[in-house]
């Protein structure tokens, strides 16, 4: 059975958050998910776009 890797999950969350057509509440949840992933796995922070990384500080 195949499962998504952490970098793949993060990439998907970044893509979803970056989609301006998504509802604001969904985008806020995506940002929260990104924050939780980076808190649990700090090595993923380097893979974030600067715009999103700056919002996590």
PDB file of N, CA and C in Angstrom:
ATOM      1  N   UNK A   1       0.842  -1.160   0.000  1.00  0.00           N
ATOM      2  CA  UNK A   1       0.000   0.000   0.000  1.00  0.00           C
ATOM      3  C   UNK A   1       0.900   1.240   0.000  1.00  0.00           C
ATOM      4  N   UNK A   2       0.568   2.187  -0.839  1.00  0.00           N
ATOM      5  CA  UNK A   2       1.320   3.437  -0.932  1.00  0.00           C
ATOM      6  C   UNK A   2       0.636   4.513  -0.103  1.00  0.00           C
ATOM      7  N   UNK A   3       1.427   5.319   0.556  1.00  0.00           N
ATOM      8  CA  UNK A   3       0.912   6.468   1.297  1.00  0.00           C
ATOM      9  C   UNK A   3       1.715   7.699   0.882  1.00  0.00           C
ATOM     10  N   UNK A   4       1.112   8.863   1.050  1.00  0.00           N
ATOM     11  CA  UNK A   4       1.791  10.106   0.677  1.00  0.00           C
ATOM     12  C   UNK A   4       2.912  10.400   1.673  1.00  0.00           C
ATOM     13  N   UNK A   5       4.019  10.910   1.161  1.00  0.00           N
ATOM     14  CA  UNK A   5       5.129  11.309   2.026  1.00  0.00           C
ATOM     15  C   UNK A   5       4.809  12.681   2.631  1.00  0.00           C
ATOM     16  N   UNK A   6       5.491  13.030   3.703  1.00  0.00           N
ATOM     17  CA  UNK A   6       5.280  14.336   4.331  1.00  0.00           C
ATOM     18  C   UNK A   6       5.518  15.493   3.360  1.00  0.00           C
ATOM     19  N   UNK A   7       6.610  15.460   2.570  1.00  0.00           N
ATOM     20  CA  UNK A   7       6.792  16.555   1.599  1.00  0.00           C
ATOM     21  C   UNK A   7       5.640  16.642   0.589  1.00  0.00           C
ATOM     22  N   UNK A   8       5.092  15.500   0.185  1.00  0.00           N
ATOM     23  CA  UNK A   8       3.961  15.515  -0.746  1.00  0.00           C
ATOM     24  C   UNK A   8       2.717  16.123  -0.097  1.00  0.00           C
ATOM     25  N   UNK A   9       2.470  15.782   1.161  1.00  0.00           N
ATOM     26  CA  UNK A   9       1.327  16.342   1.880  1.00  0.00           C
ATOM     27  C   UNK A   9       1.495  17.852   2.020  1.00  0.00           C
ATOM     28  N   UNK A  10       2.694  18.269   2.390  1.00  0.00           N
ATOM     29  CA  UNK A  10       2.956  19.702   2.531  1.00  0.00           C
ATOM     30  C   UNK A  10       2.750  20.428   1.207  1.00  0.00           C
ATOM     31  N   UNK A  11       3.248  19.855   0.135  1.00  0.00           N
ATOM     32  CA  UNK A  11       3.085  20.461  -1.196  1.00  0.00           C
ATOM     33  C   UNK A  11       1.605  20.605  -1.546  1.00  0.00           C
ATOM     34  N   UNK A  12       0.809  19.601  -1.232  1.00  0.00           N
ATOM     35  CA  UNK A  12      -0.626  19.664  -1.497  1.00  0.00           C
ATOM     36  C   UNK A  12      -1.313  20.740  -0.677  1.00  0.00           C
ATOM     37  N   UNK A  13      -0.910  20.874   0.578  1.00  0.00           N
ATOM     38  CA  UNK A  13      -1.490  21.905   1.445  1.00  0.00           C
ATOM     39  C   UNK A  13      -1.098  23.302   0.958  1.00  0.00           C
ATOM     40  N   UNK A  14       0.143  23.457   0.522  1.00  0.00           N
ATOM     41  CA  UNK A  14       0.594  24.749  -0.014  1.00  0.00           C
ATOM     42  C   UNK A  14      -0.201  25.079  -1.273  1.00  0.00           C
ATOM     43  N   UNK A  15      -0.385  24.099  -2.124  1.00  0.00           N
ATOM     44  CA  UNK A  15      -1.167  24.320  -3.344  1.00  0.00           C
ATOM     45  C   UNK A  15      -2.597  24.724  -2.999  1.00  0.00           C
ATOM     46  N   UNK A  16      -3.210  24.017  -2.059  1.00  0.00           N
ATOM     47  CA  UNK A  16      -4.593  24.316  -1.678  1.00  0.00           C
ATOM     48  C   UNK A  16      -4.690  25.713  -1.066  1.00  0.00           C
ATOM     49  N   UNK A  17      -3.748  26.060  -0.195  1.00  0.00           N
ATOM     50  CA  UNK A  17      -3.767  27.383   0.428  1.00  0.00           C
ATOM     51  C   UNK A  17      -3.582  28.486  -0.611  1.00  0.00           C
ATOM     52  N   UNK A  18      -2.792  28.235  -1.616  1.00  0.00           N
ATOM     53  CA  UNK A  18      -2.491  29.234  -2.642  1.00  0.00           C
ATOM     54  C   UNK A  18      -3.629  29.440  -3.636  1.00  0.00           C
ATOM     55  N   UNK A  19      -4.616  28.565  -3.623  1.00  0.00           N
ATOM     56  CA  UNK A  19      -5.737  28.644  -4.554  1.00  0.00           C
ATOM     57  C   UNK A  19      -6.722  29.714  -4.097  1.00  0.00           C
ATOM     58  N   UNK A  20      -6.699  30.861  -4.750  1.00  0.00           N
ATOM     59  CA  UNK A  20      -7.554  31.991  -4.383  1.00  0.00           C
ATOM     60  C   UNK A  20      -9.039  31.685  -4.556  1.00  0.00           C
ATOM     61  N   UNK A  21      -9.380  30.676  -5.345  1.00  0.00           N
ATOM     62  CA  UNK A  21     -10.785  30.344  -5.590  1.00  0.00           C
ATOM     63  C   UNK A  21     -11.401  29.567  -4.420  1.00  0.00           C
ATOM     64  N   UNK A  22     -10.558  29.017  -3.545  1.00  0.00           N
ATOM     65  CA  UNK A  22     -11.088  28.271  -2.389  1.00  0.00           C
ATOM     66  C   UNK A  22     -11.701  29.226  -1.378  1.00  0.00           C
ATOM     67  N   UNK A  23     -12.677  28.713  -0.635  1.00  0.00           N
ATOM     68  CA  UNK A  23     -13.294  29.516   0.421  1.00  0.00           C
ATOM     69  C   UNK A  23     -12.236  29.919   1.440  1.00  0.00           C
ATOM     70  N   UNK A  24     -12.408  31.103   1.991  1.00  0.00           N
ATOM     71  CA  UNK A  24     -11.435  31.620   2.959  1.00  0.00           C
ATOM     72  C   UNK A  24     -11.299  30.685   4.158  1.00  0.00           C
ATOM     73  N   UNK A  25     -12.393  30.102   4.612  1.00  0.00           N
ATOM     74  CA  UNK A  25     -12.331  29.197   5.765  1.00  0.00           C
ATOM     75  C   UNK A  25     -11.513  27.950   5.446  1.00  0.00           C
ATOM     76  N   UNK A  26     -11.606  27.448   4.223  1.00  0.00           N
ATOM     77  CA  UNK A  26     -10.818  26.282   3.813  1.00  0.00           C
ATOM     78  C   UNK A  26      -9.334  26.640   3.731  1.00  0.00           C
ATOM     79  N   UNK A  27      -9.058  27.832   3.196  1.00  0.00           N
ATOM     80  CA  UNK A  27      -7.660  28.273   3.098  1.00  0.00           C
ATOM     81  C   UNK A  27      -7.051  28.457   4.482  1.00  0.00           C
ATOM     82  N   UNK A  28      -7.841  28.955   5.433  1.00  0.00           N
ATOM     83  CA  UNK A  28      -7.344  29.123   6.800  1.00  0.00           C
ATOM     84  C   UNK A  28      -7.034  27.754   7.418  1.00  0.00           C
ATOM     85  N   UNK A  29      -7.866  26.764   7.143  1.00  0.00           N
ATOM     86  CA  UNK A  29      -7.604  25.409   7.641  1.00  0.00           C
ATOM     87  C   UNK A  29      -6.328  24.852   7.008  1.00  0.00           C
ATOM     88  N   UNK A  30      -6.128  25.106   5.717  1.00  0.00           N
ATOM     89  CA  UNK A  30      -4.900  24.657   5.049  1.00  0.00           C
ATOM     90  C   UNK A  30      -3.673  25.281   5.701  1.00  0.00           C
ATOM     91  N   UNK A  31      -3.754  26.575   6.025  1.00  0.00           N
ATOM     92  CA  UNK A  31      -2.630  27.244   6.679  1.00  0.00           C
ATOM     93  C   UNK A  31      -2.377  26.633   8.064  1.00  0.00           C
ATOM     94  N   UNK A  32      -3.441  26.314   8.779  1.00  0.00           N
ATOM     95  CA  UNK A  32      -3.285  25.662  10.088  1.00  0.00           C
ATOM     96  C   UNK A  32      -2.638  24.291   9.940  1.00  0.00           C
ATOM     97  N   UNK A  33      -3.040  23.556   8.925  1.00  0.00           N
ATOM     98  CA  UNK A  33      -2.437  22.241   8.668  1.00  0.00           C
ATOM     99  C   UNK A  33      -0.948  22.381   8.354  1.00  0.00           C
ATOM    100  N   UNK A  34      -0.606  23.388   7.553  1.00  0.00           N
ATOM    101  CA  UNK A  34       0.800  23.647   7.219  1.00  0.00           C
ATOM    102  C   UNK A  34       1.576  23.957   8.501  1.00  0.00           C
ATOM    103  N   UNK A  35       0.991  24.789   9.346  1.00  0.00           N
ATOM    104  CA  UNK A  35       1.653  25.155  10.592  1.00  0.00           C
ATOM    105  C   UNK A  35       1.900  23.918  11.464  1.00  0.00           C
ATOM    106  N   UNK A  36       0.908  23.051  11.579  1.00  0.00           N
ATOM    107  CA  UNK A  36       1.074  21.838  12.383  1.00  0.00           C
ATOM    108  C   UNK A  36       2.146  20.923  11.805  1.00  0.00           C
ATOM    109  N   UNK A  37       2.176  20.780  10.491  1.00  0.00           N
ATOM    110  CA  UNK A  37       3.195  19.938   9.860  1.00  0.00           C
ATOM    111  C   UNK A  37       4.598  20.472  10.136  1.00  0.00           C
ATOM    112  N   UNK A  38       4.768  21.784  10.012  1.00  0.00           N
ATOM    113  CA  UNK A  38       6.092  22.383  10.207  1.00  0.00           C
ATOM    114  C   UNK A  38       6.498  22.349  11.683  1.00  0.00           C
ATOM    115  N   UNK A  39       5.534  22.501  12.590  1.00  0.00           N
ATOM    116  CA  UNK A  39       5.854  22.399  14.016  1.00  0.00           C
ATOM    117  C   UNK A  39       6.334  20.990  14.364  1.00  0.00           C
ATOM    118  N   UNK A  40       5.680  19.991  13.807  1.00  0.00           N
ATOM    119  CA  UNK A  40       6.038  18.602  14.100  1.00  0.00           C
ATOM    120  C   UNK A  40       7.294  18.156  13.357  1.00  0.00           C
ATOM    121  N   UNK A  41       7.546  18.762  12.187  1.00  0.00           N
ATOM    122  CA  UNK A  41       8.681  18.378  11.338  1.00  0.00           C
ATOM    123  C   UNK A  41       9.368  19.648  10.824  1.00  0.00           C
ATOM    124  N   UNK A  42      10.181  20.288  11.666  1.00  0.00           N
ATOM    125  CA  UNK A  42      10.805  21.576  11.303  1.00  0.00           C
ATOM    126  C   UNK A  42      11.639  21.524  10.024  1.00  0.00           C
ATOM    127  N   UNK A  43      12.117  20.360   9.647  1.00  0.00           N
ATOM    128  CA  UNK A  43      12.924  20.252   8.424  1.00  0.00           C
ATOM    129  C   UNK A  43      12.112  20.568   7.171  1.00  0.00           C
ATOM    130  N   UNK A  44      10.786  20.546   7.267  1.00  0.00           N
ATOM    131  CA  UNK A  44       9.928  20.851   6.117  1.00  0.00           C
ATOM    132  C   UNK A  44       9.826  22.356   5.848  1.00  0.00           C
ATOM    133  N   UNK A  45      10.177  23.165   6.824  1.00  0.00           N
ATOM    134  CA  UNK A  45      10.033  24.620   6.684  1.00  0.00           C
ATOM    135  C   UNK A  45      10.786  25.159   5.473  1.00  0.00           C
ATOM    136  N   UNK A  46      11.912  24.568   5.165  1.00  0.00           N
ATOM    137  CA  UNK A  46      12.708  25.044   4.026  1.00  0.00           C
ATOM    138  C   UNK A  46      11.994  24.829   2.692  1.00  0.00           C
ATOM    139  N   UNK A  47      10.961  24.017   2.664  1.00  0.00           N
ATOM    140  CA  UNK A  47      10.231  23.745   1.429  1.00  0.00           C
ATOM    141  C   UNK A  47       9.048  24.689   1.226  1.00  0.00           C
ATOM    142  N   UNK A  48       8.828  25.579   2.185  1.00  0.00           N
ATOM    143  CA  UNK A  48       7.700  26.507   2.082  1.00  0.00           C
ATOM    144  C   UNK A  48       8.065  27.725   1.245  1.00  0.00           C
ATOM    145  N   UNK A  49       7.112  28.230   0.465  1.00  0.00           N
ATOM    146  CA  UNK A  49       7.333  29.517  -0.202  1.00  0.00           C
ATOM    147  C   UNK A  49       7.502  30.610   0.858  1.00  0.00           C
ATOM    148  N   UNK A  50       8.279  31.625   0.565  1.00  0.00           N
ATOM    149  CA  UNK A  50       8.551  32.693   1.530  1.00  0.00           C
ATOM    150  C   UNK A  50       7.277  33.360   2.035  1.00  0.00           C
ATOM    151  N   UNK A  51       6.314  33.544   1.163  1.00  0.00           N
ATOM    152  CA  UNK A  51       5.060  34.192   1.539  1.00  0.00           C
ATOM    153  C   UNK A  51       4.361  33.421   2.662  1.00  0.00           C
ATOM    154  N   UNK A  52       4.365  32.117   2.571  1.00  0.00           N
ATOM    155  CA  UNK A  52       3.703  31.305   3.588  1.00  0.00           C
ATOM    156  C   UNK A  52       4.582  31.183   4.837  1.00  0.00           C
ATOM    157  N   UNK A  53       5.865  31.006   4.659  1.00  0.00           N
ATOM    158  CA  UNK A  53       6.782  30.885   5.806  1.00  0.00           C
ATOM    159  C   UNK A  53       6.719  32.141   6.681  1.00  0.00           C
ATOM    160  N   UNK A  54       6.590  33.305   6.064  1.00  0.00           N
ATOM    161  CA  UNK A  54       6.550  34.551   6.836  1.00  0.00           C
ATOM    162  C   UNK A  54       5.270  34.653   7.675  1.00  0.00           C
ATOM    163  N   UNK A  55       4.217  33.987   7.258  1.00  0.00           N
ATOM    164  CA  UNK A  55       2.955  34.023   8.012  1.00  0.00           C
ATOM    165  C   UNK A  55       3.001  33.105   9.231  1.00  0.00           C
ATOM    166  N   UNK A  56       3.957  32.213   9.283  1.00  0.00           N
ATOM    167  CA  UNK A  56       4.035  31.270  10.386  1.00  0.00           C
ATOM    168  C   UNK A  56       4.835  31.817  11.562  1.00  0.00           C
ATOM    169  N   UNK A  57       5.507  32.938  11.379  1.00  0.00           N
ATOM    170  CA  UNK A  57       6.319  33.519  12.452  1.00  0.00           C
ATOM    171  C   UNK A  57       5.485  34.284  13.437  1.00  0.00           C
TER     172      UNK A  57
END
